[in-house]
Amino acid sequence: MEQYKLGAIPNPIDTRDIHIAQVQAPVPYPASYKTDISFIPVLDQKILGACVGHAHATCHIYHEYKETGKVKDLSPRYIYALSKKIDGYPGEGTFPRVSAKIEKDSGCATEDTIINNTTLSHTDYINITETDVVKKDAFPFRIGGYADIPNDKEALKQAIYQNGVVPITISVGNFFNPIIKGNYGWHRVVAFGYDENDRFYFRNSWGEIWGDKGDGYFDWATQTLIDMLVFTDIPNTLLEDIKKKTVTLTREQFLAKETLGTLTTDDFVCKTLELPWLNNQSNISCIPDGTYSCKWEINPKFGLSYRLSNVIGRDGILGHAGNYYTDILGCILHGDKYSDTNKDGIVDVLNSRVTLDKLYKVTGETFMLVIKSIKKILPTEVLIKGSRGANVKILQKALALTPDGIFGKNTERAVKGFQANNQLVADGVVGKNTWAKLKSLIK
């Protein structure tokens, strides 16, 4: 197993990221699809933790071919070595976002100037000199930008169909085909196809002796994916404009009857009021943390409002005018300050309609809303064998189990093992103390 190396370091959260919904409208896509990448040479990172450079170079070669009809010998070493100069990570491997930024700003040199010699030691491999000749060689091969894809199988299918290839990071539990999720680490590969059974096909960077001449597959239900990107050919000016339309809501206070937060853009700040977190239950809970596409409308009841799309398990969620927590059933209120206007001991927001008008002028008709909490919101439901639902899936994902939402024998066994390893009573009951210990594992 030691003959193969990984090297994908999970990206830190960055609310400035561009999201695919901001730059690419969805289109109908077939139940099964494969992009032809047979013309791209299978790369081999050998014993180097340089999978990110190799995966991104493969994608880069594909896009250059689609644009010019020529297969360019682009250098994974250039991408990876420049990433290591700025990523601040002490070991082998790098962050996919850092490499994408290198490709956007500097491009990718060809093998004419930076030979991808993977027999070198890691120290020698990343020791390249970016001469004027190398810079000139790399500059024509810049990407127009890059965008995040939500961690959703249908979103990945859509991205593959529209873009051909998608660099993704997968969890590695073994080193043969198919790779299953596990504890060895994270690996960067290139997804290029899928079928009606939610099986995804990818190009690896472990040479042609691996898998099906360098290609492999995984089933969505038995794999964990993160940091999915697409390379986008859009002007930098448009990327900057899109960034201005990303709005962040940071939840800061979690009270018995409401959640208080701050909503910000580059040039706007206001206060928010939501219901408390009660496991995303309709009408009584705020919605989960996440990224949502929003569109303004004139609502018959609330007037100027924005509607959130893609809210898991909920519909009809709005950002609208109101002052009291009793004005909402899961939606978001906005104001310029807090006050207890009705003297009931519960915080209210003021000047809500004026605040929404100002927000509309800043964002325009559509924008992306990123909701995050300064502390992780943990489920409060007590789970036992026989329990079912969304919180069981959260539990199973934290324990690296298949998330089928059913608390059965395997889940109970995993819970008891986790409890025993964390100095808890190993009774298989997931209550407050067990949820607290699981906090760092919940995504």
Foldseek 3Di string as FASTA:
>chain_A
DQQDAAAEDEDDDDLLFAAPVLPDPFDDDDQWDFFDLVVQAQAALTNANQQLLVQVVSLLQVVVCVVPVDRFQWESLQLLLVQVVPQPDDDTHHYNVSSLVCLAPQATAHCVQQNRDSVDDPVVSSDDDCDPVRSVRGRVSHFQHKHFFPQDLVSVQRCLRVQQKKKWKKAAPDQAAPGFHDDPGIHIWIWGIAHNQQKTKTFGNNALVGDPGRIHIDHPLGIDIDGIMGGDRDHPVVSVVQSQQEKEWEFEDADPFWTKTWIDGPPDIWIKIEGHDAPCDWQHHAFDFFKWKWFWDQDPVFGTWIATPDGPPDHPAIEGDDWDNVVDRHHMFIAHDWDPVVPPPDITHPPGVVRSVVVCVRNPGIGMYGYYYPADDFHADKDAQQFFDDNQLQQQQLLSHRRPRHRHDVNLVSLLVVQVVVVHHSPSIDHDVSRVVSRVSGD
